[in-house]
Amino acid sequence: MLSGTPRTFIGSTTFTVTGMTCAHCQRAVTTEIAAVDGVESVTVDLATGTVTVTAARPVDRADIAAAIDEAGYALVP
């Protein structure tokens, strides 16, 4: 993660993820991120390799990175 990036976020934040190519990838990433405490919604765009996460209360970016890793993909710093 970039040093100037806040550790937590509220609202919608978009992450770039490598390795997602199909509906299975989309489901795996969505399921893992949705399980993070505080996440309200997850939208995966396979064409751009982005994942938009919405949270109403602070969510740690490290928890999102860990969820993406657990799904078998990598967060682009």
Protein backbone atom coordinates (compact mmCIF):
# COMPACT_ATOMS: atom_id res chain seq x y z
CA MET A 1 0.00 0.00 0.00
CA LEU A 2 1.18 3.52 -0.67
CA SER A 3 2.50 5.33 2.37
CA GLY A 4 0.12 8.28 1.88
CA THR A 5 -2.94 6.01 1.75
CA PRO A 6 -5.11 6.03 4.90
CA ARG A 7 -5.20 2.70 6.71
CA THR A 8 -8.99 2.62 6.96
CA PHE A 9 -11.81 3.85 4.77
CA ILE A 10 -15.52 4.67 4.96
CA GLY A 11 -17.76 4.90 1.90
CA SER A 12 -16.81 3.46 -1.48
CA THR A 13 -13.21 2.61 -2.32
CA THR A 14 -11.93 0.88 -5.45
CA PHE A 15 -9.08 -1.62 -5.39
CA THR A 16 -7.20 -3.13 -8.34
CA VAL A 17 -6.86 -6.91 -8.19
CA THR A 18 -4.78 -9.16 -10.45
CA GLY A 19 -5.72 -12.60 -11.70
CA MET A 20 -9.52 -12.33 -11.92
CA THR A 21 -10.77 -13.67 -15.26
CA CYS A 22 -14.12 -15.43 -14.82
CA ALA A 23 -17.37 -15.68 -12.87
CA HIS A 24 -15.73 -18.05 -10.36
CA CYS A 25 -13.08 -15.40 -9.65
CA GLN A 26 -15.80 -12.81 -9.19
CA ARG A 27 -17.73 -15.01 -6.73
CA ALA A 28 -14.61 -15.96 -4.74
CA VAL A 29 -13.47 -12.35 -4.31
CA THR A 30 -17.00 -11.11 -3.54
CA THR A 31 -17.57 -13.83 -0.92
CA GLU A 32 -14.29 -13.24 0.91
CA ILE A 33 -14.56 -9.44 0.96
CA ALA A 34 -18.25 -9.50 1.95
CA ALA A 35 -17.25 -11.51 5.04
CA VAL A 36 -15.05 -8.64 6.30
CA ASP A 37 -16.70 -6.92 9.26
CA GLY A 38 -18.16 -3.56 8.21
CA VAL A 39 -18.38 -4.23 4.46
CA GLU A 40 -21.84 -3.41 3.08
CA SER A 41 -21.36 -4.20 -0.61
CA VAL A 42 -18.82 -5.50 -3.10
CA THR A 43 -18.83 -4.94 -6.87
CA VAL A 44 -16.30 -6.77 -9.05
CA ASP A 45 -15.57 -5.54 -12.59
CA LEU A 46 -13.69 -8.31 -14.39
CA ALA A 47 -13.03 -6.18 -17.47
CA THR A 48 -11.04 -3.58 -15.52
CA GLY A 49 -9.78 -5.84 -12.73
CA THR A 50 -11.28 -3.59 -10.09
CA VAL A 51 -13.27 -4.25 -6.94
CA THR A 52 -15.37 -1.51 -5.36
CA VAL A 53 -16.06 -1.96 -1.66
CA THR A 54 -18.60 0.10 0.27
CA ALA A 55 -18.54 0.43 4.05
CA ALA A 56 -20.64 2.51 6.46
CA ARG A 57 -18.04 2.38 9.21
CA PRO A 58 -14.22 2.22 9.13
CA VAL A 59 -12.80 -0.86 7.41
CA ASP A 60 -9.09 -1.63 7.50
CA ARG A 61 -7.50 -1.87 4.04
CA ALA A 62 -5.32 -4.71 5.38
CA ASP A 63 -8.48 -6.75 6.03
CA ILE A 64 -9.54 -6.24 2.41
CA ALA A 65 -6.07 -7.24 1.20
CA ALA A 66 -6.19 -10.36 3.38
CA ALA A 67 -9.63 -11.29 2.02
CA ILE A 68 -8.40 -10.91 -1.57
CA ASP A 69 -5.36 -13.05 -0.73
CA GLU A 70 -7.61 -15.69 0.89
CA ALA A 71 -9.64 -15.82 -2.34
CA GLY A 72 -6.41 -16.56 -4.23
CA TYR A 73 -5.77 -13.20 -5.89
CA ALA A 74 -3.45 -10.26 -5.36
CA LEU A 75 -4.16 -6.65 -4.51
CA VAL A 76 -2.20 -4.19 -6.66
CA PRO A 77 -0.46 -1.67 -4.38
